Amino acid sequence: MKLFETIKFSDDTFHHLNFHQERINTSLKKLNLNRKYILKDILTPPNTNETYRTKFIYDKDGFSFEHFLYKQKIIKSLSLIDASHIEYSLKYLDRKDIDILKNKSDDEIIMIKDDYVTDTSIANLYFLKYNTWFTPSTSLLRGTYQKNLLENTKVKLADIRVKDILKYKNIAISNAMIGFFELKEDIISNIKHLE
């Protein structure tokens, strides 16, 4: 079973390595794998100063990594989709169940598990109310950037049901590559429901 990390490289720096390292260590422990992969000793930077997405793949047998030139995906719309069968508590390389759900939408999905909002297919979610950003306590996978925001009290955890979404003013997303990114304001009132 292979796992992976997506790590941002820009300005001669691998960003948030401490959070990625912590997730790797936790994942190896949960899987009872007696391995250690120390990112700061393993990763070598690309030979350019542009922004790259570094994909670090690892399992019990070893690791590999590749750099990919990064281009941010623009999210124009969101669709709710049932993801009750999805289990993604670790960052598995095999994402076929999530990809199947994603392929049902023209743009990006919000995965719903037992009537609770979780994540999109590529990012954690945030909802704005009373000038405070809330992130679902029911995230499938706690993201490294989400963890950073929570630890620095920039966002708060909340139980967010489907029926609660329209009580919020706006939506933002985060992942290791984009940081925190607020979506266009009318996106929340135009969320579609998929079967």
N, C-alpha and C. Protein backbone atom coordinates (compact mmCIF):
# COMPACT_ATOMS: atom_id res chain seq x y z
N MET A 1 0.84 -1.18 0.00
CA MET A 1 0.00 0.00 0.00
C MET A 1 0.89 1.24 0.00
N LYS A 2 0.83 1.98 -1.08
CA LYS A 2 1.67 3.17 -1.22
C LYS A 2 0.93 4.42 -0.72
N LEU A 3 1.69 5.30 -0.11
CA LEU A 3 1.20 6.58 0.35
C LEU A 3 1.99 7.67 -0.36
N PHE A 4 1.51 8.91 -0.28
CA PHE A 4 2.27 9.99 -0.90
C PHE A 4 2.04 11.31 -0.18
N GLU A 5 2.93 12.23 -0.46
CA GLU A 5 2.81 13.61 -0.01
C GLU A 5 3.00 14.51 -1.22
N THR A 6 2.24 15.59 -1.28
CA THR A 6 2.41 16.62 -2.29
C THR A 6 3.04 17.82 -1.59
N ILE A 7 4.22 18.19 -2.01
CA ILE A 7 4.99 19.22 -1.32
C ILE A 7 5.27 20.37 -2.28
N LYS A 8 5.01 21.57 -1.83
CA LYS A 8 5.25 22.76 -2.67
C LYS A 8 6.72 23.15 -2.61
N PHE A 9 7.29 23.39 -3.80
CA PHE A 9 8.63 23.95 -3.90
C PHE A 9 8.55 25.28 -4.64
N SER A 10 8.99 26.34 -3.99
CA SER A 10 9.09 27.66 -4.64
C SER A 10 10.07 28.50 -3.85
N ASP A 11 10.66 29.49 -4.49
CA ASP A 11 11.61 30.38 -3.83
C ASP A 11 12.71 29.60 -3.11
N ASP A 12 13.22 28.57 -3.79
CA ASP A 12 14.31 27.73 -3.24
C ASP A 12 13.96 27.02 -1.94
N THR A 13 12.66 26.78 -1.72
CA THR A 13 12.22 26.19 -0.44
C THR A 13 11.17 25.11 -0.66
N PHE A 14 11.29 24.01 0.07
CA PHE A 14 10.20 23.05 0.21
C PHE A 14 9.35 23.54 1.38
N HIS A 15 8.09 23.86 1.12
CA HIS A 15 7.24 24.51 2.13
C HIS A 15 6.59 23.50 3.09
N HIS A 16 6.50 23.91 4.34
CA HIS A 16 5.80 23.17 5.40
C HIS A 16 6.31 21.73 5.55
N LEU A 17 7.61 21.54 5.41
CA LEU A 17 8.17 20.18 5.54
C LEU A 17 7.86 19.55 6.89
N ASN A 18 7.81 20.37 7.94
CA ASN A 18 7.52 19.82 9.27
C ASN A 18 6.15 19.14 9.32
N PHE A 19 5.14 19.75 8.67
CA PHE A 19 3.80 19.14 8.67
C PHE A 19 3.76 17.87 7.80
N HIS A 20 4.45 17.90 6.67
CA HIS A 20 4.52 16.70 5.83
C HIS A 20 5.26 15.58 6.57
N GLN A 21 6.35 15.94 7.22
CA GLN A 21 7.12 14.94 7.97
C GLN A 21 6.29 14.32 9.07
N GLU A 22 5.54 15.15 9.77
CA GLU A 22 4.69 14.65 10.85
C GLU A 22 3.65 13.67 10.31
N ARG A 23 3.05 13.99 9.15
CA ARG A 23 2.04 13.08 8.59
C ARG A 23 2.68 11.77 8.13
N ILE A 24 3.86 11.84 7.54
CA ILE A 24 4.57 10.61 7.14
C ILE A 24 4.85 9.75 8.37
N ASN A 25 5.38 10.35 9.41
CA ASN A 25 5.70 9.59 10.63
C ASN A 25 4.45 8.95 11.23
N THR A 26 3.37 9.70 11.28
CA THR A 26 2.10 9.20 11.83
C THR A 26 1.56 8.05 10.98
N SER A 27 1.62 8.22 9.65
CA SER A 27 1.11 7.18 8.74
C SER A 27 1.91 5.89 8.86
N LEU A 28 3.23 6.00 8.90
CA LEU A 28 4.08 4.82 9.05
C LEU A 28 3.77 4.08 10.36
N LYS A 29 3.54 4.85 11.41
CA LYS A 29 3.21 4.25 12.71
C LYS A 29 1.86 3.55 12.66
N LYS A 30 0.84 4.21 12.06
CA LYS A 30 -0.50 3.60 11.97
C LYS A 30 -0.47 2.29 11.19
N LEU A 31 0.40 2.21 10.20
CA LEU A 31 0.50 1.01 9.37
C LEU A 31 1.52 0.00 9.92
N ASN A 32 2.05 0.29 11.10
CA ASN A 32 3.06 -0.58 11.72
C ASN A 32 4.24 -0.86 10.80
N LEU A 33 4.66 0.16 10.07
CA LEU A 33 5.81 0.02 9.18
C LEU A 33 7.04 0.58 9.88
N ASN A 34 8.02 -0.27 10.05
CA ASN A 34 9.23 0.11 10.77
C ASN A 34 10.22 0.78 9.81
N ARG A 35 9.83 1.96 9.31
CA ARG A 35 10.67 2.70 8.36
C ARG A 35 10.74 4.14 8.81
N LYS A 36 11.78 4.82 8.35
CA LYS A 36 11.91 6.26 8.59
C LYS A 36 12.33 6.91 7.30
N TYR A 37 11.59 7.93 6.91
CA TYR A 37 11.94 8.71 5.73
C TYR A 37 12.03 10.17 6.19
N ILE A 38 13.21 10.73 6.18
CA ILE A 38 13.43 12.10 6.64
C ILE A 38 13.51 13.00 5.41
N LEU A 39 12.43 13.75 5.18
CA LEU A 39 12.30 14.54 3.96
C LEU A 39 13.45 15.52 3.74
N LYS A 40 13.87 16.20 4.78
CA LYS A 40 14.92 17.22 4.62
C LYS A 40 16.24 16.59 4.16
N ASP A 41 16.43 15.31 4.45
CA ASP A 41 17.65 14.61 4.02
C ASP A 41 17.49 13.93 2.66
N ILE A 42 16.26 13.73 2.22
CA ILE A 42 15.98 12.97 0.99
C ILE A 42 15.77 13.87 -0.22
N LEU A 43 14.94 14.90 -0.05
CA LEU A 43 14.51 15.71 -1.20
C LEU A 43 15.63 16.59 -1.74
N THR A 44 15.74 16.60 -3.05
CA THR A 44 16.65 17.53 -3.72
C THR A 44 15.80 18.46 -4.58
N PRO A 45 16.15 19.73 -4.60
CA PRO A 45 15.31 20.69 -5.33
C PRO A 45 15.44 20.57 -6.84
N PRO A 46 14.40 20.99 -7.56
CA PRO A 46 14.52 21.07 -9.01
C PRO A 46 15.52 22.17 -9.39
N ASN A 47 16.02 22.12 -10.59
CA ASN A 47 17.05 23.07 -11.03
C ASN A 47 16.47 24.35 -11.60
N THR A 48 15.47 24.88 -10.96
CA THR A 48 14.84 26.11 -11.43
C THR A 48 14.16 26.80 -10.27
N ASN A 49 13.79 28.02 -10.46
CA ASN A 49 13.15 28.77 -9.38
C ASN A 49 11.65 28.91 -9.54
N GLU A 50 11.06 28.18 -10.46
CA GLU A 50 9.60 28.23 -10.64
C GLU A 50 8.92 27.42 -9.53
N THR A 51 7.59 27.46 -9.53
CA THR A 51 6.84 26.70 -8.52
C THR A 51 6.62 25.27 -9.02
N TYR A 52 6.97 24.32 -8.16
CA TYR A 52 6.85 22.91 -8.50
C TYR A 52 6.01 22.18 -7.46
N ARG A 53 5.36 21.13 -7.93
CA ARG A 53 4.65 20.18 -7.06
C ARG A 53 5.55 18.95 -6.97
N THR A 54 6.06 18.68 -5.79
CA THR A 54 6.91 17.52 -5.59
C THR A 54 6.05 16.39 -5.03
N LYS A 55 6.04 15.29 -5.73
CA LYS A 55 5.25 14.13 -5.30
C LYS A 55 6.22 13.11 -4.69
N PHE A 56 6.09 12.92 -3.38
CA PHE A 56 6.92 11.98 -2.63
C PHE A 56 6.08 10.73 -2.35
N ILE A 57 6.47 9.60 -2.94
CA ILE A 57 5.74 8.34 -2.81
C ILE A 57 6.55 7.40 -1.91
N TYR A 58 5.86 6.73 -0.99
CA TYR A 58 6.59 5.85 -0.07
C TYR A 58 5.72 4.68 0.37
N ASP A 59 6.40 3.62 0.79
CA ASP A 59 5.76 2.44 1.38
C ASP A 59 6.81 1.70 2.19
N LYS A 60 6.52 0.44 2.54
CA LYS A 60 7.46 -0.34 3.36
C LYS A 60 8.74 -0.67 2.62
N ASP A 61 8.70 -0.63 1.29
CA ASP A 61 9.87 -1.03 0.51
C ASP A 61 10.79 0.11 0.11
N GLY A 62 10.35 1.36 0.29
CA GLY A 62 11.21 2.46 -0.10
C GLY A 62 10.42 3.69 -0.51
N PHE A 63 11.08 4.57 -1.25
CA PHE A 63 10.46 5.83 -1.64
C PHE A 63 10.96 6.27 -3.01
N SER A 64 10.23 7.22 -3.58
CA SER A 64 10.66 7.90 -4.81
C SER A 64 10.03 9.29 -4.79
N PHE A 65 10.58 10.18 -5.59
CA PHE A 65 9.93 11.49 -5.71
C PHE A 65 10.19 12.06 -7.09
N GLU A 66 9.25 12.90 -7.52
CA GLU A 66 9.33 13.58 -8.81
C GLU A 66 8.85 15.01 -8.64
N HIS A 67 9.38 15.89 -9.49
CA HIS A 67 8.95 17.28 -9.50
C HIS A 67 8.11 17.54 -10.76
N PHE A 68 7.00 18.25 -10.58
CA PHE A 68 6.12 18.62 -11.69
C PHE A 68 5.90 20.13 -11.66
N LEU A 69 6.07 20.79 -12.79
CA LEU A 69 5.78 22.21 -12.87
C LEU A 69 4.32 22.43 -12.47
N TYR A 70 4.06 23.40 -11.60
CA TYR A 70 2.72 23.57 -11.05
C TYR A 70 1.93 24.66 -11.76
N LYS A 71 0.68 24.32 -12.06
CA LYS A 71 -0.28 25.30 -12.57
C LYS A 71 -1.56 25.13 -11.76
N GLN A 72 -2.01 26.20 -11.12
CA GLN A 72 -3.19 26.12 -10.26
C GLN A 72 -4.45 25.89 -11.08
N LYS A 73 -5.28 24.97 -10.59
CA LYS A 73 -6.58 24.69 -11.19
C LYS A 73 -7.57 25.75 -10.70
N ILE A 74 -8.35 26.29 -11.62
CA ILE A 74 -9.36 27.28 -11.26
C ILE A 74 -10.69 26.55 -11.05
N ILE A 75 -11.28 26.72 -9.87
CA ILE A 75 -12.57 26.09 -9.56
C ILE A 75 -13.67 27.08 -9.87
N LYS A 76 -14.55 26.68 -10.79
CA LYS A 76 -15.64 27.56 -11.21
C LYS A 76 -16.97 27.17 -10.60
N SER A 77 -17.12 25.89 -10.25
CA SER A 77 -18.38 25.44 -9.65
C SER A 77 -18.12 24.25 -8.73
N LEU A 78 -19.08 23.98 -7.87
CA LEU A 78 -18.98 22.89 -6.91
C LEU A 78 -20.25 22.05 -6.97
N SER A 79 -20.07 20.74 -6.79
CA SER A 79 -21.21 19.81 -6.75
C SER A 79 -21.09 18.93 -5.51
N LEU A 80 -22.21 18.76 -4.81
CA LEU A 80 -22.25 17.85 -3.66
C LEU A 80 -22.40 16.43 -4.16
N ILE A 81 -21.65 15.51 -3.57
CA ILE A 81 -21.76 14.11 -3.98
C ILE A 81 -21.56 13.21 -2.76
N ASP A 82 -22.36 12.15 -2.69
CA ASP A 82 -22.28 11.21 -1.58
C ASP A 82 -20.96 10.45 -1.63
N ALA A 83 -20.24 10.47 -0.51
CA ALA A 83 -18.96 9.77 -0.41
C ALA A 83 -18.95 8.88 0.83
N SER A 84 -20.12 8.35 1.19
CA SER A 84 -20.23 7.55 2.40
C SER A 84 -19.32 6.33 2.41
N HIS A 85 -18.99 5.83 1.23
CA HIS A 85 -18.16 4.63 1.14
C HIS A 85 -16.66 4.93 1.12
N ILE A 86 -16.29 6.21 1.11
CA ILE A 86 -14.88 6.60 1.00
C ILE A 86 -14.20 6.56 2.37
N GLU A 87 -13.04 5.90 2.42
CA GLU A 87 -12.19 5.90 3.61
C GLU A 87 -10.84 6.43 3.15
N TYR A 88 -10.45 7.59 3.66
CA TYR A 88 -9.20 8.20 3.21
C TYR A 88 -8.50 8.88 4.38
N SER A 89 -8.32 8.13 5.47
CA SER A 89 -7.71 8.70 6.67
C SER A 89 -6.20 8.83 6.53
N LEU A 90 -5.63 8.13 5.55
CA LEU A 90 -4.22 8.27 5.21
C LEU A 90 -4.14 8.74 3.76
N LYS A 91 -3.03 9.36 3.38
CA LYS A 91 -2.91 9.91 2.02
C LYS A 91 -2.44 8.80 1.07
N TYR A 92 -3.41 7.96 0.67
CA TYR A 92 -3.12 6.82 -0.19
C TYR A 92 -2.84 7.27 -1.62
N LEU A 93 -1.89 6.61 -2.25
CA LEU A 93 -1.61 6.88 -3.66
C LEU A 93 -2.78 6.44 -4.53
N ASP A 94 -3.40 5.35 -4.15
CA ASP A 94 -4.58 4.85 -4.88
C ASP A 94 -5.80 5.68 -4.48
N ARG A 95 -6.22 6.55 -5.38
CA ARG A 95 -7.35 7.45 -5.15
C ARG A 95 -8.51 7.14 -6.10
N LYS A 96 -8.57 5.90 -6.58
CA LYS A 96 -9.55 5.61 -7.63
C LYS A 96 -11.00 5.85 -7.19
N ASP A 97 -11.33 5.59 -5.93
CA ASP A 97 -12.71 5.85 -5.47
C ASP A 97 -13.03 7.34 -5.52
N ILE A 98 -12.09 8.16 -5.13
CA ILE A 98 -12.29 9.61 -5.20
C ILE A 98 -12.35 10.06 -6.66
N ASP A 99 -11.48 9.50 -7.50
CA ASP A 99 -11.47 9.86 -8.93
C ASP A 99 -12.78 9.51 -9.61
N ILE A 100 -13.38 8.38 -9.24
CA ILE A 100 -14.67 7.98 -9.82
C ILE A 100 -15.73 9.03 -9.48
N LEU A 101 -15.75 9.48 -8.22
CA LEU A 101 -16.70 10.53 -7.83
C LEU A 101 -16.42 11.82 -8.58
N LYS A 102 -15.16 12.18 -8.67
CA LYS A 102 -14.77 13.42 -9.34
C LYS A 102 -15.20 13.42 -10.80
N ASN A 103 -15.13 12.28 -11.45
CA ASN A 103 -15.49 12.18 -12.87
C ASN A 103 -16.99 12.34 -13.13
N LYS A 104 -17.78 12.38 -12.08
CA LYS A 104 -19.23 12.59 -12.24
C LYS A 104 -19.58 14.07 -12.34
N SER A 105 -18.59 14.93 -12.15
CA SER A 105 -18.83 16.38 -12.15
C SER A 105 -17.99 17.06 -13.22
N ASP A 106 -18.52 18.17 -13.74
CA ASP A 106 -17.76 18.95 -14.72
C ASP A 106 -16.65 19.75 -14.07
N ASP A 107 -16.76 20.03 -12.80
CA ASP A 107 -15.75 20.85 -12.14
C ASP A 107 -15.28 20.17 -10.87
N GLU A 108 -15.51 20.75 -9.72
CA GLU A 108 -15.01 20.17 -8.47
C GLU A 108 -16.18 19.69 -7.61
N ILE A 109 -15.89 18.69 -6.76
CA ILE A 109 -16.92 18.10 -5.90
C ILE A 109 -16.68 18.45 -4.44
N ILE A 110 -17.76 18.45 -3.68
CA ILE A 110 -17.70 18.46 -2.22
C ILE A 110 -18.22 17.09 -1.80
N MET A 111 -17.36 16.32 -1.15
CA MET A 111 -17.74 14.98 -0.73
C MET A 111 -18.52 15.05 0.58
N ILE A 112 -19.66 14.35 0.60
CA ILE A 112 -20.55 14.31 1.76
C ILE A 112 -20.53 12.90 2.34
N LYS A 113 -20.32 12.82 3.64
CA LYS A 113 -20.30 11.52 4.30
C LYS A 113 -21.30 11.57 5.46
N ASP A 114 -22.33 10.73 5.37
CA ASP A 114 -23.37 10.68 6.41
C ASP A 114 -23.96 12.07 6.69
N ASP A 115 -24.22 12.81 5.63
CA ASP A 115 -24.82 14.14 5.66
C ASP A 115 -23.88 15.25 6.13
N TYR A 116 -22.60 14.92 6.39
CA TYR A 116 -21.63 15.93 6.82
C TYR A 116 -20.67 16.26 5.68
N VAL A 117 -20.32 17.54 5.58
CA VAL A 117 -19.35 18.01 4.60
C VAL A 117 -17.97 17.52 5.01
N THR A 118 -17.19 17.05 4.02
CA THR A 118 -15.83 16.61 4.31
C THR A 118 -14.82 17.50 3.58
N ASP A 119 -14.47 17.14 2.34
CA ASP A 119 -13.45 17.84 1.56
C ASP A 119 -13.86 17.90 0.10
N THR A 120 -13.05 18.60 -0.71
CA THR A 120 -13.16 18.44 -2.16
C THR A 120 -12.25 17.29 -2.54
N SER A 121 -12.14 16.99 -3.83
CA SER A 121 -11.25 15.91 -4.25
C SER A 121 -9.78 16.28 -4.14
N ILE A 122 -9.49 17.59 -4.03
CA ILE A 122 -8.10 18.03 -4.01
C ILE A 122 -7.74 18.94 -2.84
N ALA A 123 -8.71 19.29 -2.00
CA ALA A 123 -8.42 20.29 -0.97
C ALA A 123 -9.36 20.18 0.21
N ASN A 124 -8.93 20.76 1.32
CA ASN A 124 -9.79 20.93 2.47
C ASN A 124 -10.68 22.15 2.24
N LEU A 125 -11.79 22.18 2.95
CA LEU A 125 -12.79 23.24 2.78
C LEU A 125 -12.87 24.16 4.01
N TYR A 126 -13.33 25.40 3.75
CA TYR A 126 -13.54 26.39 4.80
C TYR A 126 -14.81 27.16 4.45
N PHE A 127 -15.57 27.52 5.47
CA PHE A 127 -16.82 28.24 5.28
C PHE A 127 -16.81 29.49 6.16
N LEU A 128 -17.18 30.61 5.57
CA LEU A 128 -17.12 31.90 6.26
C LEU A 128 -18.47 32.28 6.85
N LYS A 129 -18.46 32.59 8.17
CA LYS A 129 -19.65 33.08 8.86
C LYS A 129 -19.20 33.97 10.01
N TYR A 130 -19.84 35.13 10.15
CA TYR A 130 -19.50 36.08 11.23
C TYR A 130 -18.01 36.45 11.20
N ASN A 131 -17.46 36.63 10.01
CA ASN A 131 -16.05 36.99 9.83
C ASN A 131 -15.07 35.95 10.38
N THR A 132 -15.54 34.72 10.53
CA THR A 132 -14.69 33.63 10.99
C THR A 132 -14.77 32.49 9.98
N TRP A 133 -13.63 31.90 9.69
CA TRP A 133 -13.59 30.73 8.79
C TRP A 133 -13.66 29.46 9.61
N PHE A 134 -14.56 28.56 9.19
CA PHE A 134 -14.75 27.26 9.84
C PHE A 134 -14.39 26.15 8.86
N THR A 135 -13.73 25.12 9.35
CA THR A 135 -13.38 23.97 8.51
C THR A 135 -14.08 22.74 9.09
N PRO A 136 -14.56 21.84 8.24
CA PRO A 136 -15.31 20.69 8.75
C PRO A 136 -14.48 19.83 9.70
N SER A 137 -15.08 19.48 10.82
CA SER A 137 -14.44 18.55 11.76
C SER A 137 -14.43 17.14 11.19
N THR A 138 -15.18 16.94 10.11
CA THR A 138 -15.34 15.63 9.50
C THR A 138 -14.48 15.45 8.23
N SER A 139 -13.42 16.24 8.10
CA SER A 139 -12.53 16.07 6.94
C SER A 139 -12.08 14.62 6.81
N LEU A 140 -12.04 14.13 5.58
CA LEU A 140 -11.55 12.76 5.35
C LEU A 140 -10.07 12.66 5.69
N LEU A 141 -9.32 13.69 5.32
CA LEU A 141 -7.88 13.72 5.57
C LEU A 141 -7.52 15.12 6.06
N ARG A 142 -6.90 15.21 7.21
CA ARG A 142 -6.45 16.50 7.73
C ARG A 142 -5.25 16.94 6.90
N GLY A 143 -5.42 18.01 6.15
CA GLY A 143 -4.35 18.50 5.28
C GLY A 143 -3.25 19.19 6.07
N THR A 144 -2.06 19.27 5.46
CA THR A 144 -0.94 19.91 6.14
C THR A 144 -1.18 21.41 6.30
N TYR A 145 -1.76 22.05 5.29
CA TYR A 145 -2.03 23.48 5.40
C TYR A 145 -3.19 23.73 6.36
N GLN A 146 -4.18 22.85 6.33
CA GLN A 146 -5.30 22.95 7.27
C GLN A 146 -4.80 22.83 8.71
N LYS A 147 -3.91 21.89 8.93
CA LYS A 147 -3.33 21.68 10.27
C LYS A 147 -2.59 22.93 10.72
N ASN A 148 -1.84 23.54 9.81
CA ASN A 148 -1.13 24.78 10.10
C ASN A 148 -2.11 25.88 10.51
N LEU A 149 -3.19 26.05 9.75
CA LEU A 149 -4.19 27.08 10.07
C LEU A 149 -4.85 26.83 11.42
N LEU A 150 -5.17 25.57 11.70
CA LEU A 150 -5.79 25.23 12.99
C LEU A 150 -4.83 25.48 14.15
N GLU A 151 -3.59 25.09 13.99
CA GLU A 151 -2.62 25.28 15.08
C GLU A 151 -2.34 26.75 15.34
N ASN A 152 -2.47 27.57 14.31
CA ASN A 152 -2.24 29.01 14.46
C ASN A 152 -3.55 29.78 14.68
N THR A 153 -4.61 29.05 15.00
CA THR A 153 -5.95 29.58 15.31
C THR A 153 -6.46 30.58 14.27
N LYS A 154 -6.16 30.31 13.01
CA LYS A 154 -6.68 31.14 11.91
C LYS A 154 -8.07 30.67 11.48
N VAL A 155 -8.39 29.40 11.78
CA VAL A 155 -9.70 28.82 11.47
C VAL A 155 -10.17 28.00 12.66
N LYS A 156 -11.47 27.67 12.66
CA LYS A 156 -12.03 26.86 13.74
C LYS A 156 -12.70 25.63 13.14
N LEU A 157 -12.73 24.55 13.93
CA LEU A 157 -13.44 23.33 13.53
C LEU A 157 -14.94 23.50 13.76
N ALA A 158 -15.73 22.90 12.87
CA ALA A 158 -17.19 22.92 13.05
C ALA A 158 -17.78 21.69 12.38
N ASP A 159 -18.88 21.20 12.94
CA ASP A 159 -19.68 20.17 12.28
C ASP A 159 -20.54 20.89 11.26
N ILE A 160 -20.35 20.58 9.98
CA ILE A 160 -21.09 21.27 8.92
C ILE A 160 -21.89 20.25 8.13
N ARG A 161 -23.22 20.32 8.27
CA ARG A 161 -24.10 19.43 7.51
C ARG A 161 -24.46 20.09 6.19
N VAL A 162 -24.96 19.29 5.27
CA VAL A 162 -25.37 19.81 3.97
C VAL A 162 -26.35 20.96 4.14
N LYS A 163 -27.33 20.80 5.05
CA LYS A 163 -28.35 21.84 5.25
C LYS A 163 -27.77 23.14 5.79
N ASP A 164 -26.54 23.10 6.34
CA ASP A 164 -25.92 24.29 6.92
C ASP A 164 -25.17 25.13 5.90
N ILE A 165 -24.87 24.58 4.74
CA ILE A 165 -23.98 25.26 3.80
C ILE A 165 -24.46 26.67 3.46
N LEU A 166 -25.73 26.83 3.19
CA LEU A 166 -26.24 28.14 2.78
C LEU A 166 -26.30 29.15 3.93
N LYS A 167 -26.00 28.73 5.14
CA LYS A 167 -25.91 29.65 6.27
C LYS A 167 -24.58 30.41 6.27
N TYR A 168 -23.67 29.96 5.41
CA TYR A 168 -22.35 30.58 5.33
C TYR A 168 -22.29 31.57 4.17
N LYS A 169 -21.38 32.53 4.28
CA LYS A 169 -21.27 33.60 3.29
C LYS A 169 -20.40 33.19 2.09
N ASN A 170 -19.34 32.43 2.34
CA ASN A 170 -18.44 32.06 1.26
C ASN A 170 -17.68 30.79 1.60
N ILE A 171 -16.95 30.28 0.60
CA ILE A 171 -16.17 29.06 0.72
C ILE A 171 -14.74 29.35 0.30
N ALA A 172 -13.81 28.71 1.00
CA ALA A 172 -12.40 28.74 0.60
C ALA A 172 -11.89 27.31 0.63
N ILE A 173 -10.75 27.11 0.00
CA ILE A 173 -10.11 25.80 -0.01
C ILE A 173 -8.65 25.97 0.38
N SER A 174 -8.03 24.87 0.78
CA SER A 174 -6.58 24.90 1.01
C SER A 174 -6.00 23.54 0.70
N ASN A 175 -4.78 23.57 0.23
CA ASN A 175 -3.93 22.39 0.15
C ASN A 175 -2.48 22.85 0.17
N ALA A 176 -1.57 21.91 0.10
CA ALA A 176 -0.15 22.25 0.21
C ALA A 176 0.31 23.18 -0.89
N MET A 177 -0.32 23.13 -2.05
CA MET A 177 0.13 23.91 -3.20
C MET A 177 -0.44 25.33 -3.22
N ILE A 178 -1.70 25.49 -2.90
CA ILE A 178 -2.33 26.81 -3.05
C ILE A 178 -2.40 27.59 -1.76
N GLY A 179 -2.09 26.96 -0.64
CA GLY A 179 -2.29 27.64 0.63
C GLY A 179 -3.78 27.80 0.87
N PHE A 180 -4.19 28.98 1.33
CA PHE A 180 -5.60 29.28 1.58
C PHE A 180 -6.10 30.12 0.42
N PHE A 181 -7.19 29.67 -0.23
CA PHE A 181 -7.67 30.35 -1.43
C PHE A 181 -9.18 30.51 -1.35
N GLU A 182 -9.64 31.75 -1.34
CA GLU A 182 -11.07 32.05 -1.26
C GLU A 182 -11.68 31.95 -2.66
N LEU A 183 -12.78 31.22 -2.78
CA LEU A 183 -13.47 31.07 -4.05
C LEU A 183 -14.37 32.27 -4.31
N LYS A 184 -14.82 32.41 -5.55
CA LYS A 184 -15.69 33.55 -5.88
C LYS A 184 -16.96 33.49 -5.03
N GLU A 185 -17.46 34.66 -4.66
CA GLU A 185 -18.55 34.74 -3.67
C GLU A 185 -19.84 34.07 -4.08
N ASP A 186 -20.17 34.05 -5.36
CA ASP A 186 -21.46 33.46 -5.75
C ASP A 186 -21.43 31.94 -5.85
N ILE A 187 -20.27 31.34 -5.62
CA ILE A 187 -20.16 29.87 -5.78
C ILE A 187 -21.03 29.13 -4.79
N ILE A 188 -21.19 29.67 -3.58
CA ILE A 188 -21.94 28.96 -2.54
C ILE A 188 -23.43 28.85 -2.89
N SER A 189 -23.97 29.86 -3.55
CA SER A 189 -25.40 29.82 -3.88
C SER A 189 -25.67 29.02 -5.14
N ASN A 190 -24.62 28.58 -5.81
CA ASN A 190 -24.79 27.81 -7.06
C ASN A 190 -24.29 26.36 -6.95
N ILE A 191 -24.16 25.86 -5.75
CA ILE A 191 -23.71 24.48 -5.56
C ILE A 191 -24.77 23.52 -6.10
N LYS A 192 -24.32 22.54 -6.89
CA LYS A 192 -25.22 21.55 -7.47
C LYS A 192 -25.23 20.29 -6.61
N HIS A 193 -26.32 19.54 -6.72
CA HIS A 193 -26.44 18.24 -6.05
C HIS A 193 -26.31 17.15 -7.10
N LEU A 194 -25.42 16.18 -6.85
CA LEU A 194 -25.30 15.02 -7.73
C LEU A 194 -25.82 13.80 -6.98
N GLU A 195 -26.29 12.83 -7.74
CA GLU A 195 -26.77 11.58 -7.13
C GLU A 195 -25.60 10.72 -6.69
